[in-house]
PDB file of N, CA and C in Angstrom:
ATOM      1  N   MET A   1     -15.624  99.149 -69.302  1.00  0.00           N
ATOM      2  CA  MET A   1     -16.028  98.109 -69.912  1.00  0.00           C
ATOM      3  C   MET A   1     -16.434  96.560 -69.222  1.00  0.00           C
ATOM      4  N   LYS A   2     -17.520  96.809 -68.963  1.00  0.00           N
ATOM      5  CA  LYS A   2     -18.398  95.313 -68.047  1.00  0.00           C
ATOM      6  C   LYS A   2     -17.611  93.567 -68.850  1.00  0.00           C
ATOM      7  N   ARG A   3     -17.139  92.975 -67.812  1.00  0.00           N
ATOM      8  CA  ARG A   3     -16.746  91.543 -68.296  1.00  0.00           C
ATOM      9  C   ARG A   3     -18.138  91.118 -68.070  1.00  0.00           C
ATOM     10  N   PRO A   4     -17.641  89.998 -69.626  1.00  0.00           N
ATOM     11  CA  PRO A   4     -19.023  89.211 -69.488  1.00  0.00           C
ATOM     12  C   PRO A   4     -18.806  88.212 -68.608  1.00  0.00           C
ATOM     13  N   TYR A   5     -20.136  88.143 -68.426  1.00  0.00           N
ATOM     14  CA  TYR A   5     -20.460  87.314 -66.753  1.00  0.00           C
ATOM     15  C   TYR A   5     -20.409  87.755 -65.363  1.00  0.00           C
ATOM     16  N   ALA A   6     -19.696  88.980 -65.755  1.00  0.00           N
ATOM     17  CA  ALA A   6     -19.474  89.337 -64.520  1.00  0.00           C
ATOM     18  C   ALA A   6     -21.232  89.436 -63.325  1.00  0.00           C
ATOM     19  N   ASP A   7     -22.171  89.419 -63.912  1.00  0.00           N
ATOM     20  CA  ASP A   7     -23.525  89.085 -63.446  1.00  0.00           C
ATOM     21  C   ASP A   7     -23.215  87.368 -62.168  1.00  0.00           C
ATOM     22  N   LEU A   8     -22.735  86.763 -62.939  1.00  0.00           N
ATOM     23  CA  LEU A   8     -23.007  85.566 -61.813  1.00  0.00           C
ATOM     24  C   LEU A   8     -21.951  85.526 -61.116  1.00  0.00           C
ATOM     25  N   ILE A   9     -20.902  86.241 -60.631  1.00  0.00           N
ATOM     26  CA  ILE A   9     -20.255  86.945 -59.797  1.00  0.00           C
ATOM     27  C   ILE A   9     -20.557  86.438 -58.333  1.00  0.00           C
ATOM     28  N   GLY A  10     -20.573  86.193 -57.233  1.00  0.00           N
ATOM     29  CA  GLY A  10     -21.444  86.094 -56.129  1.00  0.00           C
ATOM     30  C   GLY A  10     -22.372  85.548 -56.081  1.00  0.00           C
ATOM     31  N   LEU A  11     -22.807  84.747 -57.182  1.00  0.00           N
ATOM     32  CA  LEU A  11     -23.806  83.721 -57.265  1.00  0.00           C
ATOM     33  C   LEU A  11     -23.294  82.533 -56.330  1.00  0.00           C
ATOM     34  N   THR A  12     -24.707  81.959 -55.233  1.00  0.00           N
ATOM     35  CA  THR A  12     -24.510  80.841 -55.192  1.00  0.00           C
ATOM     36  C   THR A  12     -24.601  79.765 -55.937  1.00  0.00           C
ATOM     37  N   LYS A  13     -24.082  78.356 -55.851  1.00  0.00           N
ATOM     38  CA  LYS A  13     -25.068  77.264 -56.518  1.00  0.00           C
ATOM     39  C   LYS A  13     -26.209  77.649 -57.127  1.00  0.00           C
ATOM     40  N   LYS A  14     -26.659  77.115 -55.933  1.00  0.00           N
ATOM     41  CA  LYS A  14     -28.132  77.216 -55.555  1.00  0.00           C
ATOM     42  C   LYS A  14     -28.661  78.598 -56.916  1.00  0.00           C
ATOM     43  N   ASP A  15     -28.342  79.725 -56.493  1.00  0.00           N
ATOM     44  CA  ASP A  15     -28.883  80.927 -57.719  1.00  0.00           C
ATOM     45  C   ASP A  15     -28.791  80.174 -58.646  1.00  0.00           C
ATOM     46  N   LEU A  16     -27.476  79.748 -59.353  1.00  0.00           N
ATOM     47  CA  LEU A  16     -26.702  79.495 -60.410  1.00  0.00           C
ATOM     48  C   LEU A  16     -27.524  78.331 -61.036  1.00  0.00           C
ATOM     49  N   ILE A  17     -28.060  77.765 -60.352  1.00  0.00           N
ATOM     50  CA  ILE A  17     -29.119  76.549 -60.735  1.00  0.00           C
ATOM     51  C   ILE A  17     -29.870  76.704 -61.082  1.00  0.00           C
ATOM     52  N   LYS A  18     -30.509  77.739 -60.510  1.00  0.00           N
ATOM     53  CA  LYS A  18     -32.145  78.226 -61.113  1.00  0.00           C
ATOM     54  C   LYS A  18     -31.386  79.068 -62.293  1.00  0.00           C
ATOM     55  N   LYS A  19     -30.784  79.924 -62.487  1.00  0.00           N
ATOM     56  CA  LYS A  19     -30.654  80.823 -63.759  1.00  0.00           C
ATOM     57  C   LYS A  19     -30.398  79.835 -64.610  1.00  0.00           C
ATOM     58  N   MET A  20     -28.977  79.367 -64.711  1.00  0.00           N
ATOM     59  CA  MET A  20     -29.216  78.495 -65.871  1.00  0.00           C
ATOM     60  C   MET A  20     -29.231  76.847 -66.121  1.00  0.00           C
ATOM     61  N   GLY A  21     -29.616  76.098 -64.863  1.00  0.00           N
ATOM     62  CA  GLY A  21     -29.618  74.869 -65.195  1.00  0.00           C
ATOM     63  C   GLY A  21     -28.235  74.017 -64.052  1.00  0.00           C
ATOM     64  N   ASP A  22     -28.721  72.700 -64.617  1.00  0.00           N
ATOM     65  CA  ASP A  22     -27.414  72.097 -63.307  1.00  0.00           C
ATOM     66  C   ASP A  22     -26.445  71.151 -65.118  1.00  0.00           C
ATOM     67  N   GLU A  23     -27.603  71.183 -66.095  1.00  0.00           N
ATOM     68  CA  GLU A  23     -25.923  70.426 -66.885  1.00  0.00           C
ATOM     69  C   GLU A  23     -25.234  69.281 -66.514  1.00  0.00           C
ATOM     70  N   PHE A  24     -25.892  68.502 -65.509  1.00  0.00           N
ATOM     71  CA  PHE A  24     -25.025  67.121 -65.351  1.00  0.00           C
ATOM     72  C   PHE A  24     -23.494  67.805 -64.547  1.00  0.00           C
ATOM     73  N   ASN A  25     -23.390  69.172 -63.916  1.00  0.00           N
ATOM     74  CA  ASN A  25     -22.614  68.941 -63.076  1.00  0.00           C
ATOM     75  C   ASN A  25     -21.985  68.806 -61.634  1.00  0.00           C
ATOM     76  N   PHE A  26     -21.762  68.006 -61.324  1.00  0.00           N
ATOM     77  CA  PHE A  26     -21.310  67.575 -59.689  1.00  0.00           C
ATOM     78  C   PHE A  26     -21.301  68.354 -59.038  1.00  0.00           C
ATOM     79  N   TYR A  27     -22.432  68.708 -58.323  1.00  0.00           N
ATOM     80  CA  TYR A  27     -22.324  69.444 -56.779  1.00  0.00           C
ATOM     81  C   TYR A  27     -21.866  70.165 -56.316  1.00  0.00           C
ATOM     82  N   PRO A  28     -21.216  68.720 -55.761  1.00  0.00           N
ATOM     83  CA  PRO A  28     -19.483  69.599 -54.764  1.00  0.00           C
ATOM     84  C   PRO A  28     -18.683  70.367 -54.934  1.00  0.00           C
ATOM     85  N   ASP A  29     -18.073  69.695 -56.989  1.00  0.00           N
ATOM     86  CA  ASP A  29     -17.173  70.023 -57.456  1.00  0.00           C
ATOM     87  C   ASP A  29     -16.908  71.277 -57.584  1.00  0.00           C
ATOM     88  N   THR A  30     -15.303  72.000 -57.285  1.00  0.00           N
ATOM     89  CA  THR A  30     -14.959  73.463 -57.415  1.00  0.00           C
ATOM     90  C   THR A  30     -15.531  74.541 -58.893  1.00  0.00           C
ATOM     91  N   THR A  31     -15.406  73.349 -59.692  1.00  0.00           N
ATOM     92  CA  THR A  31     -15.134  74.043 -61.190  1.00  0.00           C
ATOM     93  C   THR A  31     -17.393  73.358 -62.077  1.00  0.00           C
ATOM     94  N   TRP A  32     -17.538  74.530 -62.434  1.00  0.00           N
ATOM     95  CA  TRP A  32     -19.041  73.792 -63.067  1.00  0.00           C
ATOM     96  C   TRP A  32     -18.837  74.385 -64.812  1.00  0.00           C
ATOM     97  N   ILE A  33     -18.796  73.222 -65.803  1.00  0.00           N
ATOM     98  CA  ILE A  33     -19.245  73.684 -66.917  1.00  0.00           C
ATOM     99  C   ILE A  33     -20.092  73.641 -67.728  1.00  0.00           C
ATOM    100  N   TYR A  34     -20.678  74.664 -68.739  1.00  0.00           N
ATOM    101  CA  TYR A  34     -21.794  74.596 -69.485  1.00  0.00           C
ATOM    102  C   TYR A  34     -21.626  75.008 -71.002  1.00  0.00           C
ATOM    103  N   LEU A  35     -22.307  73.913 -71.694  1.00  0.00           N
ATOM    104  CA  LEU A  35     -22.290  74.508 -72.809  1.00  0.00           C
ATOM    105  C   LEU A  35     -23.435  75.510 -73.705  1.00  0.00           C
ATOM    106  N   LEU A  36     -22.491  76.225 -74.184  1.00  0.00           N
ATOM    107  CA  LEU A  36     -23.172  77.763 -74.681  1.00  0.00           C
ATOM    108  C   LEU A  36     -23.796  77.686 -76.058  1.00  0.00           C
ATOM    109  N   SER A  37     -22.819  77.140 -76.745  1.00  0.00           N
ATOM    110  CA  SER A  37     -23.083  76.912 -78.471  1.00  0.00           C
ATOM    111  C   SER A  37     -22.425  75.887 -78.894  1.00  0.00           C
ATOM    112  N   LYS A  38     -22.965  75.813 -79.992  1.00  0.00           N
ATOM    113  CA  LYS A  38     -21.956  74.608 -81.146  1.00  0.00           C
ATOM    114  C   LYS A  38     -22.073  75.140 -82.103  1.00  0.00           C
ATOM    115  N   SER A  39     -21.161  75.301 -83.222  1.00  0.00           N
ATOM    116  CA  SER A  39     -21.297  76.108 -84.604  1.00  0.00           C
ATOM    117  C   SER A  39     -21.615  74.031 -85.939  1.00  0.00           C
ATOM    118  N   PHE A  40     -21.982  74.804 -86.995  1.00  0.00           N
ATOM    119  CA  PHE A  40     -21.961  73.178 -87.481  1.00  0.00           C
ATOM    120  C   PHE A  40     -20.519  72.896 -88.018  1.00  0.00           C
ATOM    121  N   PHE A  41     -19.447  73.884 -87.894  1.00  0.00           N
ATOM    122  CA  PHE A  41     -18.342  72.745 -88.114  1.00  0.00           C
ATOM    123  C   PHE A  41     -17.910  71.818 -86.494  1.00  0.00           C
ATOM    124  N   GLY A  42     -18.793  72.474 -85.860  1.00  0.00           N
ATOM    125  CA  GLY A  42     -17.817  71.471 -84.380  1.00  0.00           C
ATOM    126  C   GLY A  42     -17.365  72.329 -83.622  1.00  0.00           C
ATOM    127  N   ARG A  43     -17.203  73.430 -83.797  1.00  0.00           N
ATOM    128  CA  ARG A  43     -16.407  74.421 -82.392  1.00  0.00           C
ATOM    129  C   ARG A  43     -17.717  74.777 -81.410  1.00  0.00           C
ATOM    130  N   LYS A  44     -17.105  74.976 -80.262  1.00  0.00           N
ATOM    131  CA  LYS A  44     -18.217  74.781 -79.496  1.00  0.00           C
ATOM    132  C   LYS A  44     -17.478  75.604 -78.082  1.00  0.00           C
ATOM    133  N   THR A  45     -18.531  76.081 -77.911  1.00  0.00           N
ATOM    134  CA  THR A  45     -18.080  77.767 -76.734  1.00  0.00           C
ATOM    135  C   THR A  45     -18.814  76.910 -75.659  1.00  0.00           C
ATOM    136  N   TYR A  46     -18.033  77.329 -74.258  1.00  0.00           N
ATOM    137  CA  TYR A  46     -18.213  76.876 -73.494  1.00  0.00           C
ATOM    138  C   TYR A  46     -18.210  77.540 -71.927  1.00  0.00           C
ATOM    139  N   LEU A  47     -18.649  77.537 -70.960  1.00  0.00           N
ATOM    140  CA  LEU A  47     -19.095  79.146 -69.752  1.00  0.00           C
ATOM    141  C   LEU A  47     -18.338  77.999 -69.199  1.00  0.00           C
ATOM    142  N   ILE A  48     -16.951  78.068 -68.451  1.00  0.00           N
ATOM    143  CA  ILE A  48     -16.015  77.690 -67.131  1.00  0.00           C
ATOM    144  C   ILE A  48     -16.338  78.838 -65.908  1.00  0.00           C
ATOM    145  N   ILE A  49     -16.694  78.053 -64.830  1.00  0.00           N
ATOM    146  CA  ILE A  49     -17.030  78.645 -63.960  1.00  0.00           C
ATOM    147  C   ILE A  49     -16.400  78.124 -62.554  1.00  0.00           C
ATOM    148  N   HIS A  50     -15.601  78.852 -61.693  1.00  0.00           N
ATOM    149  CA  HIS A  50     -14.725  78.283 -60.357  1.00  0.00           C
ATOM    150  C   HIS A  50     -15.823  79.076 -59.370  1.00  0.00           C
ATOM    151  N   PHE A  51     -15.807  78.172 -58.481  1.00  0.00           N
ATOM    152  CA  PHE A  51     -15.939  78.468 -56.848  1.00  0.00           C
ATOM    153  C   PHE A  51     -14.742  78.716 -56.032  1.00  0.00           C
ATOM    154  N   GLU A  52     -15.817  79.263 -54.925  1.00  0.00           N
ATOM    155  CA  GLU A  52     -14.316  79.247 -53.619  1.00  0.00           C
ATOM    156  C   GLU A  52     -15.730  79.252 -52.953  1.00  0.00           C
ATOM    157  N   GLU A  53     -16.094  78.085 -51.289  1.00  0.00           N
ATOM    158  CA  GLU A  53     -16.581  77.949 -50.430  1.00  0.00           C
ATOM    159  C   GLU A  53     -18.197  78.379 -51.106  1.00  0.00           C
ATOM    160  N   GLU A  54     -18.849  77.949 -52.289  1.00  0.00           N
ATOM    161  CA  GLU A  54     -20.118  77.814 -53.087  1.00  0.00           C
ATOM    162  C   GLU A  54     -20.347  79.001 -53.416  1.00  0.00           C
ATOM    163  N   ILE A  55     -19.659  79.977 -54.118  1.00  0.00           N
ATOM    164  CA  ILE A  55     -19.683  81.152 -54.580  1.00  0.00           C
ATOM    165  C   ILE A  55     -19.062  81.326 -55.729  1.00  0.00           C
ATOM    166  N   VAL A  56     -19.416  81.962 -56.917  1.00  0.00           N
ATOM    167  CA  VAL A  56     -18.832  81.736 -57.861  1.00  0.00           C
ATOM    168  C   VAL A  56     -17.808  82.753 -57.778  1.00  0.00           C
ATOM    169  N   LYS A  57     -16.999  82.976 -58.166  1.00  0.00           N
ATOM    170  CA  LYS A  57     -15.512  83.345 -58.191  1.00  0.00           C
ATOM    171  C   LYS A  57     -15.126  84.192 -59.359  1.00  0.00           C
ATOM    172  N   SER A  58     -14.972  83.118 -60.365  1.00  0.00           N
ATOM    173  CA  SER A  58     -14.725  83.732 -61.304  1.00  0.00           C
ATOM    174  C   SER A  58     -15.683  83.160 -62.436  1.00  0.00           C
ATOM    175  N   ALA A  59     -15.882  83.701 -64.116  1.00  0.00           N
ATOM    176  CA  ALA A  59     -16.571  83.066 -64.811  1.00  0.00           C
ATOM    177  C   ALA A  59     -15.947  83.309 -66.325  1.00  0.00           C
ATOM    178  N   GLU A  60     -15.438  81.908 -67.120  1.00  0.00           N
ATOM    179  CA  GLU A  60     -14.836  82.516 -68.488  1.00  0.00           C
ATOM    180  C   GLU A  60     -14.825  82.122 -69.828  1.00  0.00           C
ATOM    181  N   ALA A  61     -15.591  82.482 -70.580  1.00  0.00           N
ATOM    182  CA  ALA A  61     -15.678  81.310 -72.091  1.00  0.00           C
ATOM    183  C   ALA A  61     -14.729  80.953 -73.304  1.00  0.00           C
ATOM    184  N   ARG A  62     -14.899  79.987 -73.006  1.00  0.00           N
ATOM    185  CA  ARG A  62     -13.997  79.478 -74.135  1.00  0.00           C
ATOM    186  C   ARG A  62     -14.232  78.732 -75.573  1.00  0.00           C
ATOM    187  N   LYS A  63     -13.775  78.729 -76.332  1.00  0.00           N
ATOM    188  CA  LYS A  63     -14.285  78.154 -77.512  1.00  0.00           C
ATOM    189  C   LYS A  63     -13.184  76.835 -78.102  1.00  0.00           C
ATOM    190  N   THR A  64     -13.683  75.701 -78.543  1.00  0.00           N
ATOM    191  CA  THR A  64     -12.902  75.117 -78.517  1.00  0.00           C
ATOM    192  C   THR A  64     -13.133  73.695 -79.564  1.00  0.00           C
ATOM    193  N   TYR A  65     -12.241  73.365 -80.747  1.00  0.00           N
ATOM    194  CA  TYR A  65     -12.726  72.545 -81.528  1.00  0.00           C
ATOM    195  C   TYR A  65     -13.142  71.071 -81.055  1.00  0.00           C
ATOM    196  N   GLY A  66     -12.191  70.395 -79.413  1.00  0.00           N
ATOM    197  CA  GLY A  66     -12.537  69.348 -79.211  1.00  0.00           C
ATOM    198  C   GLY A  66     -13.218  69.541 -77.686  1.00  0.00           C
ATOM    199  N   ASN A  67     -12.730  68.088 -77.182  1.00  0.00           N
ATOM    200  CA  ASN A  67     -13.047  68.819 -75.308  1.00  0.00           C
ATOM    201  C   ASN A  67     -12.332  69.802 -74.145  1.00  0.00           C
ATOM    202  N   ILE A  68     -13.297  69.824 -73.944  1.00  0.00           N
ATOM    203  CA  ILE A  68     -12.382  71.039 -73.104  1.00  0.00           C
ATOM    204  C   ILE A  68     -12.155  70.628 -71.698  1.00  0.00           C
ATOM    205  N   TYR A  69     -11.094  70.938 -70.866  1.00  0.00           N
ATOM    206  CA  TYR A  69     -10.495  70.462 -69.726  1.00  0.00           C
ATOM    207  C   TYR A  69     -10.218  71.587 -68.596  1.00  0.00           C
ATOM    208  N   LYS A  70     -10.862  71.285 -67.619  1.00  0.00           N
ATOM    209  CA  LYS A  70     -11.269  71.942 -66.034  1.00  0.00           C
ATOM    210  C   LYS A  70      -9.853  72.501 -66.364  1.00  0.00           C
ATOM    211  N   THR A  71      -9.602  73.652 -66.411  1.00  0.00           N
ATOM    212  CA  THR A  71      -8.262  73.918 -65.954  1.00  0.00           C
ATOM    213  C   THR A  71      -8.287  75.471 -65.113  1.00  0.00           C
ATOM    214  N   LYS A  72      -7.624  76.115 -64.344  1.00  0.00           N
ATOM    215  CA  LYS A  72      -7.613  77.399 -63.211  1.00  0.00           C
ATOM    216  C   LYS A  72      -7.569  78.341 -64.363  1.00  0.00           C
ATOM    217  N   LEU A  73      -8.347  79.669 -64.014  1.00  0.00           N
ATOM    218  CA  LEU A  73      -8.459  80.630 -64.837  1.00  0.00           C
ATOM    219  C   LEU A  73      -7.311  81.235 -64.719  1.00  0.00           C
TER     220      LEU A  73
END
């Protein structure tokens, strides 16, 4: 089974910006967060991307009713 967002693994930060936009992410940071969706009841889905040496190493979607915190995958 293919992992969701597996096509992002290996992209550089510049490639990711071209594909998804910058979303107010701090460029030098090693973790970027994208808001994917928000429901009527306030449930939000975020895409959390971790970089190592400017290359995407992991990407995971998380759902929450509050703020999302930068955590290690």
